[in-house]
Amino acid sequence: MPRVLIVEDHPRMALAVVAALQAQGIACDTVNTLGHAVAFLETTRYDALILDRGLPDGDGLSLLAQLRALRQSTPCMILTARDALGDRVSGLENGADDYLTKPFEMAELVARTKALMRRNQPWAPDETCFADLRVSPQSSTLFVGPSSITLSPSELQVLLTLIRNAGQVVRRGALESAAWGAFSDITPKALDVAIHRLRGKLAVLQSGVSIVNTKGVGYALAVSQDT
């Protein structure tokens, strides 16, 4: 599953970008400072980086220049209100792969992000499968045999994360991060609601796969012996 790091200090903007990308099956982590971005980049491989320039602890271009000096080639889109030609040239010369000025249409951001990821990952599977489940991230659809049902962005990311970690318990924090981003302000019951809805959709499709809870730890997928 593709994953993008969004470095943006305006919460509403960050949430809007996350929602648009997650609707296309793209997992997102969000941070609001250069320091947090460095910490995430040290531990996680990303398929693309969306980077604001005007951050509380500095110019996003300084992080980009640091990454390029270390020969890290993660595709990067600069997302900023600076529209002067000199600013765009500076961003591209410092290693940016694309430059999008605010305000912008979310459809354009999604299209440009997908184009960046294609440069870094020449191919990607159209569907993710487990037991009798087939999940299409592009259409946010869950299939069991000939039947199908639409998933919400959060349901999609929770299910994809469980499939990717099939055979083990996935901690609540990891599922919440996959579905809503690492720094999203969500209610304590948001994950439980998403799991409840997923279980209902699995039942509607008569799948042999169930989501089981390990109390105090997290969730995992289980497969009926008849599947």
C-alpha atoms as a PDB file:
ATOM      1  CA  MET A   1       0.000   0.000   0.000  1.00  0.00           C
ATOM      2  CA  PRO A   2       1.497   3.384  -0.946  1.00  0.00           C
ATOM      3  CA  ARG A   3       2.239   5.746   1.916  1.00  0.00           C
ATOM      4  CA  VAL A   4       2.786   9.512   1.861  1.00  0.00           C
ATOM      5  CA  LEU A   5       4.240  11.821   4.494  1.00  0.00           C
ATOM      6  CA  ILE A   6       2.495  15.212   4.665  1.00  0.00           C
ATOM      7  CA  VAL A   7       4.463  17.998   6.355  1.00  0.00           C
ATOM      8  CA  GLU A   8       1.907  20.785   6.861  1.00  0.00           C
ATOM      9  CA  ASP A   9       1.320  23.020   9.887  1.00  0.00           C
ATOM     10  CA  HIS A  10      -2.254  24.091   9.061  1.00  0.00           C
ATOM     11  CA  PRO A  11      -4.517  21.394  10.580  1.00  0.00           C
ATOM     12  CA  ARG A  12      -7.499  21.945   8.277  1.00  0.00           C
ATOM     13  CA  MET A  13      -5.322  21.813   5.184  1.00  0.00           C
ATOM     14  CA  ALA A  14      -3.545  18.672   6.418  1.00  0.00           C
ATOM     15  CA  LEU A  15      -6.843  16.906   7.172  1.00  0.00           C
ATOM     16  CA  ALA A  16      -8.254  17.830   3.753  1.00  0.00           C
ATOM     17  CA  VAL A  17      -5.175  16.450   1.982  1.00  0.00           C
ATOM     18  CA  VAL A  18      -5.289  13.257   4.063  1.00  0.00           C
ATOM     19  CA  ALA A  19      -8.985  12.721   3.283  1.00  0.00           C
ATOM     20  CA  ALA A  20      -8.426  13.208  -0.459  1.00  0.00           C
ATOM     21  CA  LEU A  21      -5.490  10.802  -0.609  1.00  0.00           C
ATOM     22  CA  GLN A  22      -7.010   8.163   1.666  1.00  0.00           C
ATOM     23  CA  ALA A  23     -10.105   8.120  -0.540  1.00  0.00           C
ATOM     24  CA  GLN A  24      -7.755   6.871  -3.280  1.00  0.00           C
ATOM     25  CA  GLY A  25      -6.258   4.121  -1.124  1.00  0.00           C
ATOM     26  CA  ILE A  26      -3.125   6.057  -0.172  1.00  0.00           C
ATOM     27  CA  ALA A  27      -2.052   5.823   3.479  1.00  0.00           C
ATOM     28  CA  CYS A  28      -0.922   9.084   5.065  1.00  0.00           C
ATOM     29  CA  ASP A  29       1.133  10.241   8.017  1.00  0.00           C
ATOM     30  CA  THR A  30       0.935  13.916   8.957  1.00  0.00           C
ATOM     31  CA  VAL A  31       3.417  16.042  10.888  1.00  0.00           C
ATOM     32  CA  ASN A  32       3.564  19.779  11.449  1.00  0.00           C
ATOM     33  CA  THR A  33       7.265  20.489  11.995  1.00  0.00           C
ATOM     34  CA  LEU A  34      10.580  19.681  10.347  1.00  0.00           C
ATOM     35  CA  GLY A  35      11.707  17.919  13.510  1.00  0.00           C
ATOM     36  CA  HIS A  36       8.773  15.507  13.430  1.00  0.00           C
ATOM     37  CA  ALA A  37       9.309  14.951   9.707  1.00  0.00           C
ATOM     38  CA  VAL A  38      12.924  13.927  10.256  1.00  0.00           C
ATOM     39  CA  ALA A  39      11.873  11.447  12.958  1.00  0.00           C
ATOM     40  CA  PHE A  40       9.283   9.812  10.665  1.00  0.00           C
ATOM     41  CA  LEU A  41      11.615   9.695   7.667  1.00  0.00           C
ATOM     42  CA  GLU A  42      14.250   7.920   9.742  1.00  0.00           C
ATOM     43  CA  THR A  43      11.916   5.022  10.549  1.00  0.00           C
ATOM     44  CA  THR A  44       9.466   4.768   7.635  1.00  0.00           C
ATOM     45  CA  ARG A  45       9.825   4.403   3.882  1.00  0.00           C
ATOM     46  CA  TYR A  46       7.496   6.733   1.997  1.00  0.00           C
ATOM     47  CA  ASP A  47       6.429   6.650  -1.630  1.00  0.00           C
ATOM     48  CA  ALA A  48       6.098  10.438  -1.739  1.00  0.00           C
ATOM     49  CA  LEU A  49       6.599  13.508   0.428  1.00  0.00           C
ATOM     50  CA  ILE A  50       4.259  16.527   0.432  1.00  0.00           C
ATOM     51  CA  LEU A  51       6.168  19.381   2.018  1.00  0.00           C
ATOM     52  CA  ASP A  52       5.055  22.866   3.045  1.00  0.00           C
ATOM     53  CA  ARG A  53       7.711  25.574   3.000  1.00  0.00           C
ATOM     54  CA  GLY A  54       6.538  27.827   5.821  1.00  0.00           C
ATOM     55  CA  LEU A  55       6.818  25.629   8.916  1.00  0.00           C
ATOM     56  CA  PRO A  56       7.161  26.714  12.581  1.00  0.00           C
ATOM     57  CA  ASP A  57      10.765  25.506  12.840  1.00  0.00           C
ATOM     58  CA  GLY A  58      12.046  26.505   9.408  1.00  0.00           C
ATOM     59  CA  ASP A  59      11.760  26.358   5.632  1.00  0.00           C
ATOM     60  CA  GLY A  60      10.746  22.980   4.227  1.00  0.00           C
ATOM     61  CA  LEU A  61      13.424  23.359   1.572  1.00  0.00           C
ATOM     62  CA  SER A  62      16.090  22.867   4.228  1.00  0.00           C
ATOM     63  CA  LEU A  63      14.729  19.379   4.920  1.00  0.00           C
ATOM     64  CA  LEU A  64      14.567  18.600   1.222  1.00  0.00           C
ATOM     65  CA  ALA A  65      18.156  19.744   0.691  1.00  0.00           C
ATOM     66  CA  GLN A  66      19.223  17.519   3.606  1.00  0.00           C
ATOM     67  CA  LEU A  67      17.449  14.492   2.108  1.00  0.00           C
ATOM     68  CA  ARG A  68      18.987  15.018  -1.307  1.00  0.00           C
ATOM     69  CA  ALA A  69      22.457  15.421   0.242  1.00  0.00           C
ATOM     70  CA  LEU A  70      21.963  11.997   1.816  1.00  0.00           C
ATOM     71  CA  ARG A  71      20.982  10.647  -1.621  1.00  0.00           C
ATOM     72  CA  GLN A  72      17.411   9.948  -0.542  1.00  0.00           C
ATOM     73  CA  SER A  73      15.272  10.023  -3.665  1.00  0.00           C
ATOM     74  CA  THR A  74      11.754  10.053  -2.199  1.00  0.00           C
ATOM     75  CA  PRO A  75       9.655  12.060  -4.686  1.00  0.00           C
ATOM     76  CA  CYS A  76       8.698  15.421  -3.176  1.00  0.00           C
ATOM     77  CA  MET A  77       5.966  17.933  -3.927  1.00  0.00           C
ATOM     78  CA  ILE A  78       6.300  21.409  -2.484  1.00  0.00           C
ATOM     79  CA  LEU A  79       2.941  22.681  -1.218  1.00  0.00           C
ATOM     80  CA  THR A  80       3.026  26.400  -0.493  1.00  0.00           C
ATOM     81  CA  ALA A  81       1.419  29.809  -0.858  1.00  0.00           C
ATOM     82  CA  ARG A  82       4.612  31.204  -2.406  1.00  0.00           C
ATOM     83  CA  ASP A  83       3.807  31.670  -6.089  1.00  0.00           C
ATOM     84  CA  ALA A  84       6.714  33.808  -7.285  1.00  0.00           C
ATOM     85  CA  LEU A  85       8.781  32.372 -10.126  1.00  0.00           C
ATOM     86  CA  GLY A  86      11.928  32.613  -8.003  1.00  0.00           C
ATOM     87  CA  ASP A  87      10.343  30.502  -5.264  1.00  0.00           C
ATOM     88  CA  ARG A  88       9.286  27.804  -7.722  1.00  0.00           C
ATOM     89  CA  VAL A  89      12.733  27.722  -9.319  1.00  0.00           C
ATOM     90  CA  SER A  90      14.366  27.554  -5.880  1.00  0.00           C
ATOM     91  CA  GLY A  91      12.202  24.615  -4.883  1.00  0.00           C
ATOM     92  CA  LEU A  92      12.946  22.669  -8.038  1.00  0.00           C
ATOM     93  CA  GLU A  93      16.660  23.428  -7.853  1.00  0.00           C
ATOM     94  CA  ASN A  94      16.750  22.130  -4.274  1.00  0.00           C
ATOM     95  CA  GLY A  95      15.410  18.743  -5.349  1.00  0.00           C
ATOM     96  CA  ALA A  96      11.628  19.108  -5.481  1.00  0.00           C
ATOM     97  CA  ASP A  97       9.905  16.981  -8.129  1.00  0.00           C
ATOM     98  CA  ASP A  98       6.766  19.119  -8.289  1.00  0.00           C
ATOM     99  CA  TYR A  99       5.493  22.451  -6.967  1.00  0.00           C
ATOM    100  CA  LEU A 100       1.832  23.198  -6.195  1.00  0.00           C
ATOM    101  CA  THR A 101       0.706  26.613  -4.988  1.00  0.00           C
ATOM    102  CA  LYS A 102      -2.204  27.320  -2.662  1.00  0.00           C
ATOM    103  CA  PRO A 103      -5.116  27.504  -3.224  1.00  0.00           C
ATOM    104  CA  PHE A 104      -5.437  24.398  -5.355  1.00  0.00           C
ATOM    105  CA  GLU A 105      -8.002  21.766  -6.306  1.00  0.00           C
ATOM    106  CA  MET A 106      -7.736  18.514  -4.359  1.00  0.00           C
ATOM    107  CA  ALA A 107      -8.240  16.540  -7.570  1.00  0.00           C
ATOM    108  CA  GLU A 108      -5.077  18.106  -8.956  1.00  0.00           C
ATOM    109  CA  LEU A 109      -3.102  17.343  -5.807  1.00  0.00           C
ATOM    110  CA  VAL A 110      -4.228  13.698  -5.924  1.00  0.00           C
ATOM    111  CA  ALA A 111      -3.327  13.375  -9.608  1.00  0.00           C
ATOM    112  CA  ARG A 112       0.103  14.933  -9.080  1.00  0.00           C
ATOM    113  CA  THR A 113       0.772  12.741  -6.039  1.00  0.00           C
ATOM    114  CA  LYS A 114      -0.080   9.603  -7.996  1.00  0.00           C
ATOM    115  CA  ALA A 115       2.226  10.730 -10.792  1.00  0.00           C
ATOM    116  CA  LEU A 116       5.059  11.209  -8.275  1.00  0.00           C
ATOM    117  CA  MET A 117       4.544   7.744  -6.846  1.00  0.00           C
ATOM    118  CA  ARG A 118       4.543   6.161 -10.289  1.00  0.00           C
ATOM    119  CA  ARG A 119       8.030   7.568 -10.840  1.00  0.00           C
ATOM    120  CA  ASN A 120       9.233   5.906  -7.656  1.00  0.00           C
ATOM    121  CA  GLN A 121       7.263   2.664  -7.992  1.00  0.00           C
ATOM    122  CA  PRO A 122       6.784   1.561 -11.597  1.00  0.00           C
ATOM    123  CA  TRP A 123       4.014  -0.868 -10.757  1.00  0.00           C
ATOM    124  CA  ALA A 124       1.555  -1.524  -7.967  1.00  0.00           C
ATOM    125  CA  PRO A 125      -1.072  -4.240  -7.580  1.00  0.00           C
ATOM    126  CA  ASP A 126      -4.622  -3.153  -8.418  1.00  0.00           C
ATOM    127  CA  GLU A 127      -6.058  -5.318  -5.655  1.00  0.00           C
ATOM    128  CA  THR A 128      -5.032  -6.634  -2.251  1.00  0.00           C
ATOM    129  CA  CYS A 129      -6.233 -10.146  -1.422  1.00  0.00           C
ATOM    130  CA  PHE A 130      -6.587 -12.274   1.707  1.00  0.00           C
ATOM    131  CA  ALA A 131      -8.547 -15.535   1.999  1.00  0.00           C
ATOM    132  CA  ASP A 132     -11.886 -14.794   0.260  1.00  0.00           C
ATOM    133  CA  LEU A 133     -11.379 -11.013   0.378  1.00  0.00           C
ATOM    134  CA  ARG A 134     -10.352  -8.789  -2.516  1.00  0.00           C
ATOM    135  CA  VAL A 135      -9.853  -5.098  -1.833  1.00  0.00           C
ATOM    136  CA  SER A 136      -9.550  -2.454  -4.534  1.00  0.00           C
ATOM    137  CA  PRO A 137      -7.848   0.625  -3.019  1.00  0.00           C
ATOM    138  CA  GLN A 138      -8.533   2.647  -6.166  1.00  0.00           C
ATOM    139  CA  SER A 139     -12.311   2.269  -5.878  1.00  0.00           C
ATOM    140  CA  SER A 140     -12.460   1.714  -2.085  1.00  0.00           C
ATOM    141  CA  THR A 141     -14.380  -1.500  -2.711  1.00  0.00           C
ATOM    142  CA  LEU A 142     -14.381  -4.815  -0.856  1.00  0.00           C
ATOM    143  CA  PHE A 143     -15.213  -7.951  -2.870  1.00  0.00           C
ATOM    144  CA  VAL A 144     -16.168 -11.436  -1.712  1.00  0.00           C
ATOM    145  CA  GLY A 145     -16.848 -13.610  -4.738  1.00  0.00           C
ATOM    146  CA  PRO A 146     -19.250 -11.732  -7.057  1.00  0.00           C
ATOM    147  CA  SER A 147     -20.543  -9.483  -4.264  1.00  0.00           C
ATOM    148  CA  SER A 148     -19.059  -6.121  -3.314  1.00  0.00           C
ATOM    149  CA  ILE A 149     -19.505  -3.235  -0.917  1.00  0.00           C
ATOM    150  CA  THR A 150     -17.999   0.250  -0.654  1.00  0.00           C
ATOM    151  CA  LEU A 151     -15.613   1.096   2.185  1.00  0.00           C
ATOM    152  CA  SER A 152     -15.123   4.484   3.791  1.00  0.00           C
ATOM    153  CA  PRO A 153     -11.548   5.874   3.713  1.00  0.00           C
ATOM    154  CA  SER A 154     -10.932   4.896   7.345  1.00  0.00           C
ATOM    155  CA  GLU A 155     -12.446   1.412   6.886  1.00  0.00           C
ATOM    156  CA  LEU A 156     -10.282   0.903   3.807  1.00  0.00           C
ATOM    157  CA  GLN A 157      -7.060   1.784   5.610  1.00  0.00           C
ATOM    158  CA  VAL A 158      -7.906  -0.323   8.669  1.00  0.00           C
ATOM    159  CA  LEU A 159      -8.698  -3.373   6.530  1.00  0.00           C
ATOM    160  CA  LEU A 160      -5.615  -2.964   4.325  1.00  0.00           C
ATOM    161  CA  THR A 161      -3.423  -2.679   7.422  1.00  0.00           C
ATOM    162  CA  LEU A 162      -4.946  -5.827   8.921  1.00  0.00           C
ATOM    163  CA  ILE A 163      -4.415  -7.719   5.647  1.00  0.00           C
ATOM    164  CA  ARG A 164      -0.824  -6.498   5.375  1.00  0.00           C
ATOM    165  CA  ASN A 165      -0.202  -7.823   8.886  1.00  0.00           C
ATOM    166  CA  ALA A 166      -2.244 -11.010   8.557  1.00  0.00           C
ATOM    167  CA  GLY A 167      -1.290 -13.591  11.140  1.00  0.00           C
ATOM    168  CA  GLN A 168      -0.494 -11.103  13.870  1.00  0.00           C
ATOM    169  CA  VAL A 169      -2.278  -8.687  16.170  1.00  0.00           C
ATOM    170  CA  VAL A 170      -2.105  -5.071  15.020  1.00  0.00           C
ATOM    171  CA  ARG A 171      -1.991  -2.567  17.854  1.00  0.00           C
ATOM    172  CA  ARG A 172      -4.731   0.034  18.125  1.00  0.00           C
ATOM    173  CA  GLY A 173      -2.262   2.890  17.688  1.00  0.00           C
ATOM    174  CA  ALA A 174      -0.974   1.465  14.406  1.00  0.00           C
ATOM    175  CA  LEU A 175      -4.505   1.094  13.044  1.00  0.00           C
ATOM    176  CA  GLU A 176      -5.445   4.615  14.119  1.00  0.00           C
ATOM    177  CA  SER A 177      -2.311   6.006  12.484  1.00  0.00           C
ATOM    178  CA  ALA A 178      -3.038   4.148   9.247  1.00  0.00           C
ATOM    179  CA  ALA A 179      -6.633   5.345   9.133  1.00  0.00           C
ATOM    180  CA  TRP A 180      -6.382   8.918  10.351  1.00  0.00           C
ATOM    181  CA  GLY A 181      -2.697   9.883  10.405  1.00  0.00           C
ATOM    182  CA  ALA A 182      -0.223   9.889  13.258  1.00  0.00           C
ATOM    183  CA  PHE A 183      -1.209  13.277  14.665  1.00  0.00           C
ATOM    184  CA  SER A 184      -4.930  13.366  13.885  1.00  0.00           C
ATOM    185  CA  ASP A 185      -7.280  14.396  16.698  1.00  0.00           C
ATOM    186  CA  ILE A 186      -9.784  11.527  16.764  1.00  0.00           C
ATOM    187  CA  THR A 187     -12.248  10.341  19.381  1.00  0.00           C
ATOM    188  CA  PRO A 188     -11.230   7.324  21.512  1.00  0.00           C
ATOM    189  CA  LYS A 189     -14.046   5.258  19.976  1.00  0.00           C
ATOM    190  CA  ALA A 190     -13.314   6.086  16.306  1.00  0.00           C
ATOM    191  CA  LEU A 191     -11.420   2.843  15.724  1.00  0.00           C
ATOM    192  CA  ASP A 192     -14.092   0.774  17.471  1.00  0.00           C
ATOM    193  CA  VAL A 193     -16.737   2.312  15.210  1.00  0.00           C
ATOM    194  CA  ALA A 194     -14.681   1.536  12.086  1.00  0.00           C
ATOM    195  CA  ILE A 195     -14.137  -2.070  13.234  1.00  0.00           C
ATOM    196  CA  HIS A 196     -17.865  -2.467  13.993  1.00  0.00           C
ATOM    197  CA  ARG A 197     -18.780  -1.249  10.495  1.00  0.00           C
ATOM    198  CA  LEU A 198     -16.188  -3.499   8.862  1.00  0.00           C
ATOM    199  CA  ARG A 199     -17.525  -6.511  10.740  1.00  0.00           C
ATOM    200  CA  GLY A 200     -21.011  -5.646   9.522  1.00  0.00           C
ATOM    201  CA  LYS A 201     -19.845  -5.414   5.917  1.00  0.00           C
ATOM    202  CA  LEU A 202     -17.989  -8.737   6.173  1.00  0.00           C
ATOM    203  CA  ALA A 203     -21.206 -10.290   7.463  1.00  0.00           C
ATOM    204  CA  VAL A 204     -23.271  -8.782   4.646  1.00  0.00           C
ATOM    205  CA  LEU A 205     -20.848 -10.282   2.111  1.00  0.00           C
ATOM    206  CA  GLN A 206     -20.909 -13.610   3.994  1.00  0.00           C
ATOM    207  CA  SER A 207     -17.124 -13.689   4.207  1.00  0.00           C
ATOM    208  CA  GLY A 208     -15.287 -16.404   6.072  1.00  0.00           C
ATOM    209  CA  VAL A 209     -12.930 -13.751   7.444  1.00  0.00           C
ATOM    210  CA  SER A 210     -13.593 -12.128  10.811  1.00  0.00           C
ATOM    211  CA  ILE A 211     -11.894  -9.406  12.842  1.00  0.00           C
ATOM    212  CA  VAL A 212     -10.970 -10.565  16.331  1.00  0.00           C
ATOM    213  CA  ASN A 213     -10.055  -8.419  19.306  1.00  0.00           C
ATOM    214  CA  THR A 214      -7.164  -9.092  21.644  1.00  0.00           C
ATOM    215  CA  LYS A 215      -8.262  -7.082  24.643  1.00  0.00           C
ATOM    216  CA  GLY A 216      -5.941  -4.251  25.521  1.00  0.00           C
ATOM    217  CA  VAL A 217      -3.694  -4.907  22.516  1.00  0.00           C
ATOM    218  CA  GLY A 218      -5.425  -4.617  19.147  1.00  0.00           C
ATOM    219  CA  TYR A 219      -7.096  -6.508  16.325  1.00  0.00           C
ATOM    220  CA  ALA A 220      -6.283  -9.316  13.896  1.00  0.00           C
ATOM    221  CA  LEU A 221      -7.899 -11.195  11.040  1.00  0.00           C
ATOM    222  CA  ALA A 222      -9.118 -14.747  11.511  1.00  0.00           C
ATOM    223  CA  VAL A 223     -10.281 -17.182   8.833  1.00  0.00           C
ATOM    224  CA  SER A 224     -13.015 -19.770   9.232  1.00  0.00           C
ATOM    225  CA  GLN A 225     -11.864 -23.329   8.591  1.00  0.00           C
ATOM    226  CA  ASP A 226     -14.591 -23.614   5.963  1.00  0.00           C
ATOM    227  CA  THR A 227     -13.122 -20.751   3.887  1.00  0.00           C
END
